[in-house]
Amino acid sequence: MKSSWKKLHILLKIGLIILLIGCGPFFIVMGLDALGVIQAGNLALGTGPLVFISFYPSLILIIIGGILTYKKIKK
């Protein structure tokens, strides 16, 4: 039996990885700032550009990969 990750289309996998790598640090820093663990200030500004560079391309890959995965599983 195939694992769930192997059933996904390659575009969906790439989109998810890009989203995690690009947006992950920003969300971690903002979450720690919201909890009061750190003062984000300039640190949040440094992680911000990664979000804008990676969010929309990864979103497009996730949508296309999701459609192709659906077609692949439906066969």
PDB file of N, CA and C in Angstrom:
ATOM      1  N   MET A   1       0.841  -1.183   0.000  1.00  0.00           N
ATOM      2  CA  MET A   1       0.000   0.000   0.000  1.00  0.00           C
ATOM      3  C   MET A   1       0.886   1.246   0.000  1.00  0.00           C
ATOM      4  N   LYS A   2       0.551   2.193  -0.861  1.00  0.00           N
ATOM      5  CA  LYS A   2       1.338   3.414  -0.955  1.00  0.00           C
ATOM      6  C   LYS A   2       1.050   4.329   0.238  1.00  0.00           C
ATOM      7  N   SER A   3       2.092   5.055   0.638  1.00  0.00           N
ATOM      8  CA  SER A   3       1.880   6.033   1.696  1.00  0.00           C
ATOM      9  C   SER A   3       1.155   7.238   1.110  1.00  0.00           C
ATOM     10  N   SER A   4       0.595   8.062   1.963  1.00  0.00           N
ATOM     11  CA  SER A   4      -0.155   9.233   1.509  1.00  0.00           C
ATOM     12  C   SER A   4       0.736  10.210   0.758  1.00  0.00           C
ATOM     13  N   TRP A   5       1.992  10.374   1.196  1.00  0.00           N
ATOM     14  CA  TRP A   5       2.913  11.312   0.544  1.00  0.00           C
ATOM     15  C   TRP A   5       3.216  10.870  -0.890  1.00  0.00           C
ATOM     16  N   LYS A   6       3.339   9.564  -1.122  1.00  0.00           N
ATOM     17  CA  LYS A   6       3.654   9.061  -2.457  1.00  0.00           C
ATOM     18  C   LYS A   6       2.477   9.191  -3.411  1.00  0.00           C
ATOM     19  N   LYS A   7       1.269   9.297  -2.894  1.00  0.00           N
ATOM     20  CA  LYS A   7       0.094   9.440  -3.740  1.00  0.00           C
ATOM     21  C   LYS A   7      -0.041  10.856  -4.297  1.00  0.00           C
ATOM     22  N   LEU A   8       0.620  11.827  -3.674  1.00  0.00           N
ATOM     23  CA  LEU A   8       0.492  13.214  -4.105  1.00  0.00           C
ATOM     24  C   LEU A   8       1.304  13.471  -5.365  1.00  0.00           C
ATOM     25  N   HIS A   9       0.801  14.358  -6.208  1.00  0.00           N
ATOM     26  CA  HIS A   9       1.503  14.747  -7.429  1.00  0.00           C
ATOM     27  C   HIS A   9       2.747  15.554  -7.059  1.00  0.00           C
ATOM     28  N   ILE A  10       3.762  15.501  -7.892  1.00  0.00           N
ATOM     29  CA  ILE A  10       5.042  16.153  -7.604  1.00  0.00           C
ATOM     30  C   ILE A  10       4.894  17.668  -7.448  1.00  0.00           C
ATOM     31  N   LEU A  11       4.003  18.296  -8.223  1.00  0.00           N
ATOM     32  CA  LEU A  11       3.802  19.743  -8.094  1.00  0.00           C
ATOM     33  C   LEU A  11       3.227  20.112  -6.731  1.00  0.00           C
ATOM     34  N   LEU A  12       2.354  19.282  -6.220  1.00  0.00           N
ATOM     35  CA  LEU A  12       1.785  19.523  -4.896  1.00  0.00           C
ATOM     36  C   LEU A  12       2.856  19.385  -3.827  1.00  0.00           C
ATOM     37  N   LYS A  13       3.720  18.392  -3.956  1.00  0.00           N
ATOM     38  CA  LYS A  13       4.809  18.211  -2.994  1.00  0.00           C
ATOM     39  C   LYS A  13       5.756  19.409  -2.997  1.00  0.00           C
ATOM     40  N   ILE A  14       6.138  19.865  -4.192  1.00  0.00           N
ATOM     41  CA  ILE A  14       7.047  21.005  -4.301  1.00  0.00           C
ATOM     42  C   ILE A  14       6.397  22.260  -3.720  1.00  0.00           C
ATOM     43  N   GLY A  15       5.124  22.482  -4.007  1.00  0.00           N
ATOM     44  CA  GLY A  15       4.418  23.646  -3.478  1.00  0.00           C
ATOM     45  C   GLY A  15       4.362  23.652  -1.960  1.00  0.00           C
ATOM     46  N   LEU A  16       4.110  22.502  -1.365  1.00  0.00           N
ATOM     47  CA  LEU A  16       4.056  22.410   0.092  1.00  0.00           C
ATOM     48  C   LEU A  16       5.428  22.656   0.726  1.00  0.00           C
ATOM     49  N   ILE A  17       6.467  22.129   0.099  1.00  0.00           N
ATOM     50  CA  ILE A  17       7.823  22.326   0.634  1.00  0.00           C
ATOM     51  C   ILE A  17       8.231  23.789   0.540  1.00  0.00           C
ATOM     52  N   ILE A  18       7.946  24.433  -0.602  1.00  0.00           N
ATOM     53  CA  ILE A  18       8.278  25.848  -0.762  1.00  0.00           C
ATOM     54  C   ILE A  18       7.501  26.692   0.242  1.00  0.00           C
ATOM     55  N   LEU A  19       6.250  26.362   0.465  1.00  0.00           N
ATOM     56  CA  LEU A  19       5.443  27.112   1.431  1.00  0.00           C
ATOM     57  C   LEU A  19       6.017  26.990   2.838  1.00  0.00           C
ATOM     58  N   LEU A  20       6.407  25.791   3.239  1.00  0.00           N
ATOM     59  CA  LEU A  20       6.964  25.596   4.576  1.00  0.00           C
ATOM     60  C   LEU A  20       8.303  26.292   4.748  1.00  0.00           C
ATOM     61  N   ILE A  21       9.164  26.205   3.733  1.00  0.00           N
ATOM     62  CA  ILE A  21      10.483  26.827   3.830  1.00  0.00           C
ATOM     63  C   ILE A  21      10.380  28.341   3.784  1.00  0.00           C
ATOM     64  N   GLY A  22       9.525  28.858   2.927  1.00  0.00           N
ATOM     65  CA  GLY A  22       9.417  30.302   2.762  1.00  0.00           C
ATOM     66  C   GLY A  22       8.641  30.999   3.856  1.00  0.00           C
ATOM     67  N   CYS A  23       7.535  30.424   4.267  1.00  0.00           N
ATOM     68  CA  CYS A  23       6.663  31.080   5.246  1.00  0.00           C
ATOM     69  C   CYS A  23       6.896  30.609   6.669  1.00  0.00           C
ATOM     70  N   GLY A  24       7.520  29.464   6.841  1.00  0.00           N
ATOM     71  CA  GLY A  24       7.743  28.904   8.171  1.00  0.00           C
ATOM     72  C   GLY A  24       8.455  29.833   9.137  1.00  0.00           C
ATOM     73  N   PRO A  25       9.618  30.381   8.767  1.00  0.00           N
ATOM     74  CA  PRO A  25      10.325  31.268   9.698  1.00  0.00           C
ATOM     75  C   PRO A  25       9.509  32.494  10.092  1.00  0.00           C
ATOM     76  N   PHE A  26       8.762  33.048   9.159  1.00  0.00           N
ATOM     77  CA  PHE A  26       7.944  34.229   9.450  1.00  0.00           C
ATOM     78  C   PHE A  26       6.867  33.888  10.482  1.00  0.00           C
ATOM     79  N   PHE A  27       6.181  32.766  10.277  1.00  0.00           N
ATOM     80  CA  PHE A  27       5.121  32.389  11.206  1.00  0.00           C
ATOM     81  C   PHE A  27       5.670  32.012  12.586  1.00  0.00           C
ATOM     82  N   ILE A  28       6.840  31.413  12.624  1.00  0.00           N
ATOM     83  CA  ILE A  28       7.467  31.089  13.907  1.00  0.00           C
ATOM     84  C   ILE A  28       7.801  32.363  14.673  1.00  0.00           C
ATOM     85  N   VAL A  29       8.421  33.322  13.972  1.00  0.00           N
ATOM     86  CA  VAL A  29       8.796  34.579  14.623  1.00  0.00           C
ATOM     87  C   VAL A  29       7.554  35.337  15.085  1.00  0.00           C
ATOM     88  N   MET A  30       6.528  35.392  14.254  1.00  0.00           N
ATOM     89  CA  MET A  30       5.317  36.111  14.639  1.00  0.00           C
ATOM     90  C   MET A  30       4.585  35.404  15.783  1.00  0.00           C
ATOM     91  N   GLY A  31       4.617  34.070  15.793  1.00  0.00           N
ATOM     92  CA  GLY A  31       4.002  33.329  16.895  1.00  0.00           C
ATOM     93  C   GLY A  31       4.725  33.557  18.210  1.00  0.00           C
ATOM     94  N   LEU A  32       6.055  33.552  18.172  1.00  0.00           N
ATOM     95  CA  LEU A  32       6.830  33.825  19.387  1.00  0.00           C
ATOM     96  C   LEU A  32       6.625  35.256  19.869  1.00  0.00           C
ATOM     97  N   ASP A  33       6.466  36.182  18.935  1.00  0.00           N
ATOM     98  CA  ASP A  33       6.194  37.571  19.303  1.00  0.00           C
ATOM     99  C   ASP A  33       4.818  37.691  19.957  1.00  0.00           C
ATOM    100  N   ALA A  34       3.835  36.982  19.416  1.00  0.00           N
ATOM    101  CA  ALA A  34       2.489  37.028  19.985  1.00  0.00           C
ATOM    102  C   ALA A  34       2.448  36.420  21.383  1.00  0.00           C
ATOM    103  N   LEU A  35       3.278  35.413  21.629  1.00  0.00           N
ATOM    104  CA  LEU A  35       3.339  34.799  22.954  1.00  0.00           C
ATOM    105  C   LEU A  35       4.160  35.622  23.940  1.00  0.00           C
ATOM    106  N   GLY A  36       4.870  36.616  23.437  1.00  0.00           N
ATOM    107  CA  GLY A  36       5.687  37.457  24.296  1.00  0.00           C
ATOM    108  C   GLY A  36       7.048  36.866  24.618  1.00  0.00           C
ATOM    109  N   VAL A  37       7.452  35.843  23.896  1.00  0.00           N
ATOM    110  CA  VAL A  37       8.741  35.216  24.141  1.00  0.00           C
ATOM    111  C   VAL A  37       9.870  36.110  23.629  1.00  0.00           C
ATOM    112  N   ILE A  38       9.651  36.730  22.477  1.00  0.00           N
ATOM    113  CA  ILE A  38      10.646  37.631  21.902  1.00  0.00           C
ATOM    114  C   ILE A  38       9.974  38.918  21.462  1.00  0.00           C
ATOM    115  N   GLN A  39      10.767  39.950  21.226  1.00  0.00           N
ATOM    116  CA  GLN A  39      10.300  41.178  20.606  1.00  0.00           C
ATOM    117  C   GLN A  39      10.690  41.098  19.144  1.00  0.00           C
ATOM    118  N   ALA A  40       9.743  40.896  18.252  1.00  0.00           N
ATOM    119  CA  ALA A  40      10.065  40.623  16.850  1.00  0.00           C
ATOM    120  C   ALA A  40      10.710  41.819  16.162  1.00  0.00           C
ATOM    121  N   GLY A  41      10.141  42.980  16.235  1.00  0.00           N
ATOM    122  CA  GLY A  41      10.687  44.185  15.635  1.00  0.00           C
ATOM    123  C   GLY A  41      11.353  43.975  14.298  1.00  0.00           C
ATOM    124  N   ASN A  42      12.663  44.170  14.230  1.00  0.00           N
ATOM    125  CA  ASN A  42      13.413  44.045  12.981  1.00  0.00           C
ATOM    126  C   ASN A  42      13.545  42.593  12.520  1.00  0.00           C
ATOM    127  N   LEU A  43      13.448  41.650  13.426  1.00  0.00           N
ATOM    128  CA  LEU A  43      13.542  40.242  13.057  1.00  0.00           C
ATOM    129  C   LEU A  43      12.394  39.842  12.138  1.00  0.00           C
ATOM    130  N   ALA A  44      11.196  40.354  12.403  1.00  0.00           N
ATOM    131  CA  ALA A  44      10.041  40.046  11.560  1.00  0.00           C
ATOM    132  C   ALA A  44      10.217  40.670  10.184  1.00  0.00           C
ATOM    133  N   LEU A  45      10.850  41.831  10.113  1.00  0.00           N
ATOM    134  CA  LEU A  45      11.080  42.466   8.816  1.00  0.00           C
ATOM    135  C   LEU A  45      12.058  41.652   7.971  1.00  0.00           C
ATOM    136  N   GLY A  46      13.019  41.005   8.612  1.00  0.00           N
ATOM    137  CA  GLY A  46      13.984  40.190   7.889  1.00  0.00           C
ATOM    138  C   GLY A  46      13.393  38.925   7.315  1.00  0.00           C
ATOM    139  N   THR A  47      12.386  38.367   7.946  1.00  0.00           N
ATOM    140  CA  THR A  47      11.768  37.141   7.445  1.00  0.00           C
ATOM    141  C   THR A  47      10.602  37.446   6.516  1.00  0.00           C
ATOM    142  N   GLY A  48      10.136  38.659   6.473  1.00  0.00           N
ATOM    143  CA  GLY A  48       8.990  39.035   5.646  1.00  0.00           C
ATOM    144  C   GLY A  48       9.165  38.829   4.154  1.00  0.00           C
ATOM    145  N   PRO A  49      10.305  39.219   3.553  1.00  0.00           N
ATOM    146  CA  PRO A  49      10.450  39.049   2.100  1.00  0.00           C
ATOM    147  C   PRO A  49      10.325  37.604   1.636  1.00  0.00           C
ATOM    148  N   LEU A  50      10.743  36.651   2.442  1.00  0.00           N
ATOM    149  CA  LEU A  50      10.597  35.245   2.051  1.00  0.00           C
ATOM    150  C   LEU A  50       9.136  34.873   1.870  1.00  0.00           C
ATOM    151  N   VAL A  51       8.269  35.476   2.677  1.00  0.00           N
ATOM    152  CA  VAL A  51       6.849  35.179   2.572  1.00  0.00           C
ATOM    153  C   VAL A  51       6.317  35.643   1.229  1.00  0.00           C
ATOM    154  N   PHE A  52       6.660  36.847   0.824  1.00  0.00           N
ATOM    155  CA  PHE A  52       6.123  37.393  -0.412  1.00  0.00           C
ATOM    156  C   PHE A  52       6.720  36.724  -1.644  1.00  0.00           C
ATOM    157  N   ILE A  53       7.970  36.297  -1.563  1.00  0.00           N
ATOM    158  CA  ILE A  53       8.617  35.640  -2.701  1.00  0.00           C
ATOM    159  C   ILE A  53       8.083  34.227  -2.879  1.00  0.00           C
ATOM    160  N   SER A  54       7.781  33.547  -1.800  1.00  0.00           N
ATOM    161  CA  SER A  54       7.425  32.132  -1.900  1.00  0.00           C
ATOM    162  C   SER A  54       5.932  31.842  -1.784  1.00  0.00           C
ATOM    163  N   PHE A  55       5.138  32.730  -1.251  1.00  0.00           N
ATOM    164  CA  PHE A  55       3.744  32.399  -0.971  1.00  0.00           C
ATOM    165  C   PHE A  55       2.926  32.176  -2.249  1.00  0.00           C
ATOM    166  N   TYR A  56       2.944  33.123  -3.168  1.00  0.00           N
ATOM    167  CA  TYR A  56       2.096  32.999  -4.344  1.00  0.00           C
ATOM    168  C   TYR A  56       2.539  31.897  -5.310  1.00  0.00           C
ATOM    169  N   PRO A  57       3.845  31.758  -5.579  1.00  0.00           N
ATOM    170  CA  PRO A  57       4.232  30.612  -6.424  1.00  0.00           C
ATOM    171  C   PRO A  57       3.878  29.267  -5.786  1.00  0.00           C
ATOM    172  N   SER A  58       4.056  29.155  -4.481  1.00  0.00           N
ATOM    173  CA  SER A  58       3.719  27.891  -3.827  1.00  0.00           C
ATOM    174  C   SER A  58       2.210  27.666  -3.840  1.00  0.00           C
ATOM    175  N   LEU A  59       1.432  28.726  -3.713  1.00  0.00           N
ATOM    176  CA  LEU A  59      -0.027  28.603  -3.764  1.00  0.00           C
ATOM    177  C   LEU A  59      -0.477  28.111  -5.137  1.00  0.00           C
ATOM    178  N   ILE A  60       0.127  28.632  -6.197  1.00  0.00           N
ATOM    179  CA  ILE A  60      -0.201  28.187  -7.548  1.00  0.00           C
ATOM    180  C   ILE A  60       0.172  26.714  -7.735  1.00  0.00           C
ATOM    181  N   LEU A  61       1.361  26.328  -7.262  1.00  0.00           N
ATOM    182  CA  LEU A  61       1.775  24.928  -7.374  1.00  0.00           C
ATOM    183  C   LEU A  61       0.868  24.006  -6.574  1.00  0.00           C
ATOM    184  N   ILE A  62       0.424  24.451  -5.410  1.00  0.00           N
ATOM    185  CA  ILE A  62      -0.467  23.634  -4.580  1.00  0.00           C
ATOM    186  C   ILE A  62      -1.816  23.438  -5.269  1.00  0.00           C
ATOM    187  N   ILE A  63      -2.335  24.482  -5.876  1.00  0.00           N
ATOM    188  CA  ILE A  63      -3.631  24.371  -6.566  1.00  0.00           C
ATOM    189  C   ILE A  63      -3.527  23.434  -7.769  1.00  0.00           C
ATOM    190  N   ILE A  64      -2.517  23.646  -8.616  1.00  0.00           N
ATOM    191  CA  ILE A  64      -2.347  22.791  -9.791  1.00  0.00           C
ATOM    192  C   ILE A  64      -2.040  21.351  -9.364  1.00  0.00           C
ATOM    193  N   GLY A  65      -1.161  21.186  -8.390  1.00  0.00           N
ATOM    194  CA  GLY A  65      -0.838  19.849  -7.899  1.00  0.00           C
ATOM    195  C   GLY A  65      -2.022  19.154  -7.271  1.00  0.00           C
ATOM    196  N   GLY A  66      -2.866  19.916  -6.585  1.00  0.00           N
ATOM    197  CA  GLY A  66      -4.081  19.342  -5.998  1.00  0.00           C
ATOM    198  C   GLY A  66      -5.039  18.828  -7.058  1.00  0.00           C
ATOM    199  N   ILE A  67      -5.179  19.589  -8.135  1.00  0.00           N
ATOM    200  CA  ILE A  67      -6.050  19.152  -9.228  1.00  0.00           C
ATOM    201  C   ILE A  67      -5.493  17.899  -9.889  1.00  0.00           C
ATOM    202  N   LEU A  68      -4.190  17.895 -10.151  1.00  0.00           N
ATOM    203  CA  LEU A  68      -3.571  16.723 -10.783  1.00  0.00           C
ATOM    204  C   LEU A  68      -3.596  15.501  -9.872  1.00  0.00           C
ATOM    205  N   THR A  69      -3.439  15.716  -8.566  1.00  0.00           N
ATOM    206  CA  THR A  69      -3.539  14.607  -7.614  1.00  0.00           C
ATOM    207  C   THR A  69      -4.945  14.032  -7.606  1.00  0.00           C
ATOM    208  N   TYR A  70      -5.927  14.906  -7.642  1.00  0.00           N
ATOM    209  CA  TYR A  70      -7.328  14.466  -7.668  1.00  0.00           C
ATOM    210  C   TYR A  70      -7.599  13.621  -8.912  1.00  0.00           C
ATOM    211  N   LYS A  71      -7.095  14.088 -10.062  1.00  0.00           N
ATOM    212  CA  LYS A  71      -7.294  13.325 -11.309  1.00  0.00           C
ATOM    213  C   LYS A  71      -6.572  11.986 -11.255  1.00  0.00           C
ATOM    214  N   LYS A  72      -5.380  11.979 -10.658  1.00  0.00           N
ATOM    215  CA  LYS A  72      -4.573  10.754 -10.554  1.00  0.00           C
ATOM    216  C   LYS A  72      -5.259   9.728  -9.649  1.00  0.00           C
ATOM    217  N   ILE A  73      -5.801  10.186  -8.530  1.00  0.00           N
ATOM    218  CA  ILE A  73      -6.442   9.274  -7.573  1.00  0.00           C
ATOM    219  C   ILE A  73      -7.794   8.780  -8.129  1.00  0.00           C
ATOM    220  N   LYS A  74      -8.478   9.651  -8.871  1.00  0.00           N
ATOM    221  CA  LYS A  74      -9.801   9.294  -9.390  1.00  0.00           C
ATOM    222  C   LYS A  74      -9.746   8.184 -10.436  1.00  0.00           C
ATOM    223  N   LYS A  75      -8.597   8.048 -11.129  1.00  0.00           N
ATOM    224  CA  LYS A  75      -8.482   7.008 -12.181  1.00  0.00           C
ATOM    225  C   LYS A  75      -8.600   5.633 -11.631  1.00  0.00           C
TER     226      LYS A  75
END
